[in-house]
PDB file of all heavy atoms in Angstrom:
ATOM      1  N   ILE A   1     -95.777 -10.360-168.317  1.00  0.00           N
ATOM      2  CA  ILE A   1     -96.046 -10.546-166.897  1.00  0.00           C
ATOM      3  C   ILE A   1     -97.208  -9.657-166.474  1.00  0.00           C
ATOM      4  O   ILE A   1     -97.283  -8.485-166.856  1.00  0.00           O
ATOM      5  CB  ILE A   1     -94.798 -10.194-166.045  1.00  0.00           C
ATOM      6  CG1 ILE A   1     -93.631 -11.107-166.415  1.00  0.00           C
ATOM      7  CG2 ILE A   1     -95.108 -10.286-164.554  1.00  0.00           C
ATOM      8  CD1 ILE A   1     -92.318 -10.722-165.766  1.00  0.00           C
ATOM      9  N   GLU A   2     -98.105 -10.218-165.670  1.00  0.00           N
ATOM     10  CA  GLU A   2     -99.184  -9.435-165.069  1.00  0.00           C
ATOM     11  C   GLU A   2     -98.746  -9.022-163.663  1.00  0.00           C
ATOM     12  O   GLU A   2     -98.473  -9.876-162.814  1.00  0.00           O
ATOM     13  CB  GLU A   2    -100.471 -10.263-164.987  1.00  0.00           C
ATOM     14  CG  GLU A   2    -101.650  -9.486-164.408  1.00  0.00           C
ATOM     15  CD  GLU A   2    -102.935 -10.289-164.374  1.00  0.00           C
ATOM     16  OE1 GLU A   2    -102.960 -11.390-164.982  1.00  0.00           O
ATOM     17  OE2 GLU A   2    -103.898  -9.828-163.739  1.00  0.00           O
ATOM     18  N   GLY A   3     -98.661  -7.705-163.463  1.00  0.00           N
ATOM     19  CA  GLY A   3     -98.211  -7.222-162.165  1.00  0.00           C
ATOM     20  C   GLY A   3     -97.873  -5.748-162.211  1.00  0.00           C
ATOM     21  O   GLY A   3     -97.897  -5.126-163.290  1.00  0.00           O
ATOM     22  N   PRO A   4     -97.536  -5.139-161.078  1.00  0.00           N
ATOM     23  CA  PRO A   4     -97.223  -3.700-161.022  1.00  0.00           C
ATOM     24  C   PRO A   4     -95.941  -3.385-161.789  1.00  0.00           C
ATOM     25  O   PRO A   4     -94.870  -3.921-161.465  1.00  0.00           O
ATOM     26  CB  PRO A   4     -97.070  -3.422-159.526  1.00  0.00           C
ATOM     27  CG  PRO A   4     -96.765  -4.746-158.914  1.00  0.00           C
ATOM     28  CD  PRO A   4     -97.458  -5.770-159.749  1.00  0.00           C
ATOM     29  N   ARG A   5     -96.042  -2.545-162.797  1.00  0.00           N
ATOM     30  CA  ARG A   5     -94.943  -2.295-163.739  1.00  0.00           C
ATOM     31  C   ARG A   5     -93.646  -1.915-163.039  1.00  0.00           C
ATOM     32  O   ARG A   5     -92.587  -2.493-163.304  1.00  0.00           O
ATOM     33  CB  ARG A   5     -95.374  -1.192-164.708  1.00  0.00           C
ATOM     34  CG  ARG A   5     -94.315  -0.767-165.724  1.00  0.00           C
ATOM     35  CD  ARG A   5     -94.909   0.313-166.631  1.00  0.00           C
ATOM     36  NE  ARG A   5     -93.967   0.757-167.635  1.00  0.00           N
ATOM     37  CZ  ARG A   5     -93.107   1.756-167.467  1.00  0.00           C
ATOM     38  NH1 ARG A   5     -93.050   2.387-166.299  1.00  0.00           N
ATOM     39  NH2 ARG A   5     -92.291   2.123-168.448  1.00  0.00           N
ATOM     40  N   GLY A   6     -93.708  -0.935-162.151  1.00  0.00           N
ATOM     41  CA  GLY A   6     -92.503  -0.455-161.493  1.00  0.00           C
ATOM     42  C   GLY A   6     -91.807  -1.525-160.674  1.00  0.00           C
ATOM     43  O   GLY A   6     -90.575  -1.684-160.734  1.00  0.00           O
ATOM     44  N   GLU A   7     -92.583  -2.293-159.921  1.00  0.00           N
ATOM     45  CA  GLU A   7     -92.004  -3.353-159.091  1.00  0.00           C
ATOM     46  C   GLU A   7     -91.394  -4.457-159.955  1.00  0.00           C
ATOM     47  O   GLU A   7     -90.329  -4.997-159.634  1.00  0.00           O
ATOM     48  CB  GLU A   7     -93.074  -3.939-158.166  1.00  0.00           C
ATOM     49  CG  GLU A   7     -93.564  -2.981-157.082  1.00  0.00           C
ATOM     50  CD  GLU A   7     -94.622  -3.638-156.197  1.00  0.00           C
ATOM     51  OE1 GLU A   7     -94.519  -4.869-155.989  1.00  0.00           O
ATOM     52  OE2 GLU A   7     -95.539  -2.929-155.748  1.00  0.00           O
ATOM     53  N   VAL A   8     -92.094  -4.796-161.032  1.00  0.00           N
ATOM     54  CA  VAL A   8     -91.597  -5.851-161.920  1.00  0.00           C
ATOM     55  C   VAL A   8     -90.276  -5.421-162.560  1.00  0.00           C
ATOM     56  O   VAL A   8     -89.306  -6.196-162.606  1.00  0.00           O
ATOM     57  CB  VAL A   8     -92.634  -6.210-162.996  1.00  0.00           C
ATOM     58  CG1 VAL A   8     -92.056  -7.200-164.000  1.00  0.00           C
ATOM     59  CG2 VAL A   8     -93.901  -6.783-162.366  1.00  0.00           C
ATOM     60  N   VAL A   9     -90.214  -4.181-163.050  1.00  0.00           N
ATOM     61  CA  VAL A   9     -88.987  -3.685-163.689  1.00  0.00           C
ATOM     62  C   VAL A   9     -87.816  -3.734-162.713  1.00  0.00           C
ATOM     63  O   VAL A   9     -86.717  -4.213-163.041  1.00  0.00           O
ATOM     64  CB  VAL A   9     -89.192  -2.250-164.216  1.00  0.00           C
ATOM     65  CG1 VAL A   9     -87.857  -1.626-164.614  1.00  0.00           C
ATOM     66  CG2 VAL A   9     -90.142  -2.243-165.402  1.00  0.00           C
ATOM     67  N   THR A  10     -88.040  -3.236-161.488  1.00  0.00           N
ATOM     68  CA  THR A  10     -86.971  -3.236-160.482  1.00  0.00           C
ATOM     69  C   THR A  10     -86.495  -4.649-160.173  1.00  0.00           C
ATOM     70  O   THR A  10     -85.285  -4.921-160.101  1.00  0.00           O
ATOM     71  CB  THR A  10     -87.467  -2.559-159.183  1.00  0.00           C
ATOM     72  OG1 THR A  10     -87.852  -1.209-159.480  1.00  0.00           O
ATOM     73  CG2 THR A  10     -86.369  -2.547-158.134  1.00  0.00           C
ATOM     74  N   ALA A  11     -87.443  -5.568-160.003  1.00  0.00           N
ATOM     75  CA  ALA A  11     -87.090  -6.954-159.683  1.00  0.00           C
ATOM     76  C   ALA A  11     -86.319  -7.607-160.824  1.00  0.00           C
ATOM     77  O   ALA A  11     -85.345  -8.347-160.587  1.00  0.00           O
ATOM     78  CB  ALA A  11     -88.360  -7.744-159.365  1.00  0.00           C
ATOM     79  N   LEU A  12     -86.739  -7.361-162.065  1.00  0.00           N
ATOM     80  CA  LEU A  12     -86.036  -7.940-163.208  1.00  0.00           C
ATOM     81  C   LEU A  12     -84.619  -7.398-163.329  1.00  0.00           C
ATOM     82  O   LEU A  12     -83.670  -8.142-163.619  1.00  0.00           O
ATOM     83  CB  LEU A  12     -86.820  -7.656-164.495  1.00  0.00           C
ATOM     84  CG  LEU A  12     -88.147  -8.399-164.683  1.00  0.00           C
ATOM     85  CD1 LEU A  12     -88.888  -7.875-165.911  1.00  0.00           C
ATOM     86  CD2 LEU A  12     -87.936  -9.908-164.798  1.00  0.00           C
ATOM     87  N   ARG A  13     -84.458  -6.103-163.074  1.00  0.00           N
ATOM     88  CA  ARG A  13     -83.129  -5.494-163.149  1.00  0.00           C
ATOM     89  C   ARG A  13     -82.180  -6.069-162.104  1.00  0.00           C
ATOM     90  O   ARG A  13     -80.969  -6.122-162.316  1.00  0.00           O
ATOM     91  CB  ARG A  13     -83.242  -3.979-162.950  1.00  0.00           C
ATOM     92  CG  ARG A  13     -83.688  -3.224-164.187  1.00  0.00           C
ATOM     93  CD  ARG A  13     -83.847  -1.769-163.869  1.00  0.00           C
ATOM     94  NE  ARG A  13     -84.112  -0.971-165.064  1.00  0.00           N
ATOM     95  CZ  ARG A  13     -84.557   0.279-165.041  1.00  0.00           C
ATOM     96  NH1 ARG A  13     -84.816   0.864-163.874  1.00  0.00           N
ATOM     97  NH2 ARG A  13     -84.763   0.936-166.158  1.00  0.00           N
ATOM     98  N   ASN A  14     -82.722  -6.479-160.962  1.00  0.00           N
ATOM     99  CA  ASN A  14     -81.893  -6.973-159.864  1.00  0.00           C
ATOM    100  C   ASN A  14     -81.530  -8.454-159.984  1.00  0.00           C
ATOM    101  O   ASN A  14     -80.781  -8.968-159.161  1.00  0.00           O
ATOM    102  CB  ASN A  14     -82.618  -6.743-158.525  1.00  0.00           C
ATOM    103  CG  ASN A  14     -82.660  -5.262-158.148  1.00  0.00           C
ATOM    104  OD1 ASN A  14     -81.798  -4.490-158.566  1.00  0.00           O
ATOM    105  ND2 ASN A  14     -83.670  -4.863-157.390  1.00  0.00           N
ATOM    106  N   LEU A  15     -82.063  -9.115-160.999  1.00  0.00           N
ATOM    107  CA  LEU A  15     -81.723 -10.521-161.196  1.00  0.00           C
ATOM    108  C   LEU A  15     -80.261 -10.665-161.612  1.00  0.00           C
ATOM    109  O   LEU A  15     -79.728  -9.836-162.363  1.00  0.00           O
ATOM    110  CB  LEU A  15     -82.612 -11.139-162.274  1.00  0.00           C
ATOM    111  CG  LEU A  15     -84.062 -11.452-161.894  1.00  0.00           C
ATOM    112  CD1 LEU A  15     -84.827 -11.920-163.128  1.00  0.00           C
ATOM    113  CD2 LEU A  15     -84.131 -12.511-160.796  1.00  0.00           C
ATOM    114  N   SER A  16     -79.622 -11.717-161.163  1.00  0.00           N
ATOM    115  CA  SER A  16     -78.240 -11.988-161.543  1.00  0.00           C
ATOM    116  C   SER A  16     -78.163 -12.250-163.050  1.00  0.00           C
ATOM    117  O   SER A  16     -78.917 -13.052-163.592  1.00  0.00           O
ATOM    118  CB  SER A  16     -77.733 -13.216-160.776  1.00  0.00           C
ATOM    119  OG  SER A  16     -76.446 -13.579-161.232  1.00  0.00           O
ATOM    120  N   GLY A  17     -77.278 -11.535-163.716  1.00  0.00           N
ATOM    121  CA  GLY A  17     -77.097 -11.715-165.155  1.00  0.00           C
ATOM    122  C   GLY A  17     -77.957 -10.820-166.019  1.00  0.00           C
ATOM    123  O   GLY A  17     -77.841 -10.831-167.239  1.00  0.00           O
ATOM    124  N   ALA A  18     -78.838 -10.034-165.387  1.00  0.00           N
ATOM    125  CA  ALA A  18     -79.728  -9.161-166.157  1.00  0.00           C
ATOM    126  C   ALA A  18     -79.044  -7.846-166.498  1.00  0.00           C
ATOM    127  O   ALA A  18     -78.311  -7.278-165.676  1.00  0.00           O
ATOM    128  CB  ALA A  18     -81.002  -8.884-165.374  1.00  0.00           C
ATOM    129  N   GLY A  19     -79.272  -7.369-167.699  1.00  0.00           N
ATOM    130  CA  GLY A  19     -78.783  -6.063-168.112  1.00  0.00           C
ATOM    131  C   GLY A  19     -79.940  -5.083-168.208  1.00  0.00           C
ATOM    132  O   GLY A  19     -80.767  -4.998-167.304  1.00  0.00           O
ATOM    133  N   LYS A  20     -80.040  -4.402-169.350  1.00  0.00           N
ATOM    134  CA  LYS A  20     -81.107  -3.426-169.542  1.00  0.00           C
ATOM    135  C   LYS A  20     -82.467  -4.111-169.651  1.00  0.00           C
ATOM    136  O   LYS A  20     -82.578  -5.203-170.222  1.00  0.00           O
ATOM    137  CB  LYS A  20     -80.830  -2.613-170.810  1.00  0.00           C
ATOM    138  CG  LYS A  20     -81.740  -1.411-171.001  1.00  0.00           C
ATOM    139  CD  LYS A  20     -81.294  -0.592-172.200  1.00  0.00           C
ATOM    140  CE  LYS A  20     -82.153   0.655-172.367  1.00  0.00           C
ATOM    141  NZ  LYS A  20     -81.736   1.464-173.541  1.00  0.00           N
ATOM    142  N   VAL A  21     -83.497  -3.469-169.099  1.00  0.00           N
ATOM    143  CA  VAL A  21     -84.861  -3.985-169.172  1.00  0.00           C
ATOM    144  C   VAL A  21     -85.706  -2.999-169.967  1.00  0.00           C
ATOM    145  O   VAL A  21     -85.728  -1.804-169.656  1.00  0.00           O
ATOM    146  CB  VAL A  21     -85.471  -4.192-167.765  1.00  0.00           C
ATOM    147  CG1 VAL A  21     -86.930  -4.646-167.883  1.00  0.00           C
ATOM    148  CG2 VAL A  21     -84.662  -5.203-166.972  1.00  0.00           C
ATOM    149  N   LYS A  22     -86.380  -3.511-170.995  1.00  0.00           N
ATOM    150  CA  LYS A  22     -87.257  -2.670-171.810  1.00  0.00           C
ATOM    151  C   LYS A  22     -88.690  -3.137-171.624  1.00  0.00           C
ATOM    152  O   LYS A  22     -88.951  -4.322-171.427  1.00  0.00           O
ATOM    153  CB  LYS A  22     -86.861  -2.750-173.288  1.00  0.00           C
ATOM    154  CG  LYS A  22     -85.416  -2.336-173.536  1.00  0.00           C
ATOM    155  CD  LYS A  22     -85.029  -2.516-174.984  1.00  0.00           C
ATOM    156  CE  LYS A  22     -83.567  -2.152-175.209  1.00  0.00           C
ATOM    157  NZ  LYS A  22     -83.177  -2.313-176.623  1.00  0.00           N
ATOM    158  N   CYS A  23     -89.616  -2.199-171.683  1.00  0.00           N
ATOM    159  CA  CYS A  23     -91.005  -2.526-171.349  1.00  0.00           C
ATOM    160  C   CYS A  23     -91.963  -1.859-172.315  1.00  0.00           C
ATOM    161  O   CYS A  23     -91.727  -0.727-172.761  1.00  0.00           O
ATOM    162  CB  CYS A  23     -91.290  -2.057-169.914  1.00  0.00           C
ATOM    163  SG  CYS A  23     -93.013  -2.138-169.416  1.00  0.00           S
ATOM    164  N   ARG A  24     -93.037  -2.547-172.642  1.00  0.00           N
ATOM    165  CA  ARG A  24     -94.122  -1.907-173.390  1.00  0.00           C
ATOM    166  C   ARG A  24     -95.454  -2.479-172.918  1.00  0.00           C
ATOM    167  O   ARG A  24     -95.563  -3.653-172.556  1.00  0.00           O
ATOM    168  CB  ARG A  24     -93.959  -2.078-174.902  1.00  0.00           C
ATOM    169  CG  ARG A  24     -94.176  -3.456-175.451  1.00  0.00           C
ATOM    170  CD  ARG A  24     -93.935  -3.459-176.952  1.00  0.00           C
ATOM    171  NE  ARG A  24     -94.179  -4.746-177.549  1.00  0.00           N
ATOM    172  CZ  ARG A  24     -95.357  -5.129-178.040  1.00  0.00           C
ATOM    173  NH1 ARG A  24     -96.394  -4.298-177.982  1.00  0.00           N
ATOM    174  NH2 ARG A  24     -95.501  -6.315-178.598  1.00  0.00           N
ATOM    175  N   GLN A  25     -96.475  -1.608-172.923  1.00  0.00           N
ATOM    176  CA  GLN A  25     -97.794  -2.009-172.443  1.00  0.00           C
ATOM    177  C   GLN A  25     -98.506  -2.855-173.489  1.00  0.00           C
ATOM    178  O   GLN A  25     -98.325  -2.674-174.694  1.00  0.00           O
ATOM    179  CB  GLN A  25     -98.629  -0.777-172.109  1.00  0.00           C
ATOM    180  CG  GLN A  25     -99.912  -1.095-171.361  1.00  0.00           C
ATOM    181  CD  GLN A  25    -100.555   0.156-170.792  1.00  0.00           C
ATOM    182  OE1 GLN A  25    -100.186   1.259-171.137  1.00  0.00           O
ATOM    183  NE2 GLN A  25    -101.530  -0.026-169.909  1.00  0.00           N
ATOM    184  N   THR A  26     -99.313  -3.785-173.039  1.00  0.00           N
ATOM    185  CA  THR A  26    -100.129  -4.602-173.928  1.00  0.00           C
ATOM    186  C   THR A  26    -101.572  -4.096-173.881  1.00  0.00           C
ATOM    187  O   THR A  26    -101.883  -3.122-173.193  1.00  0.00           O
ATOM    188  CB  THR A  26    -100.094  -6.085-173.513  1.00  0.00           C
ATOM    189  OG1 THR A  26    -100.779  -6.237-172.265  1.00  0.00           O
ATOM    190  CG2 THR A  26     -98.653  -6.565-173.366  1.00  0.00           C
ATOM    191  N   GLU A  27    -102.447  -4.782-174.604  1.00  0.00           N
ATOM    192  CA  GLU A  27    -103.851  -4.379-174.609  1.00  0.00           C
ATOM    193  C   GLU A  27    -104.571  -4.787-173.326  1.00  0.00           C
ATOM    194  O   GLU A  27    -105.654  -4.287-173.027  1.00  0.00           O
ATOM    195  CB  GLU A  27    -104.562  -5.002-175.820  1.00  0.00           C
ATOM    196  CG  GLU A  27    -104.033  -4.487-177.156  1.00  0.00           C
ATOM    197  CD  GLU A  27    -104.691  -5.163-178.337  1.00  0.00           C
ATOM    198  OE1 GLU A  27    -105.494  -6.094-178.105  1.00  0.00           O
ATOM    199  OE2 GLU A  27    -104.416  -4.766-179.479  1.00  0.00           O
TER     200      GLU A  27
END
C-alpha cells in the first residue's frame, strides 16, 4: 500500500477480523 505508514497500520488493525499487523519498507 502507498500511504502514511502509521495511519495505514492503525486502519488495518481496526478492520473486523484482523489480528497482528506486520510491516516492512519497500524500495
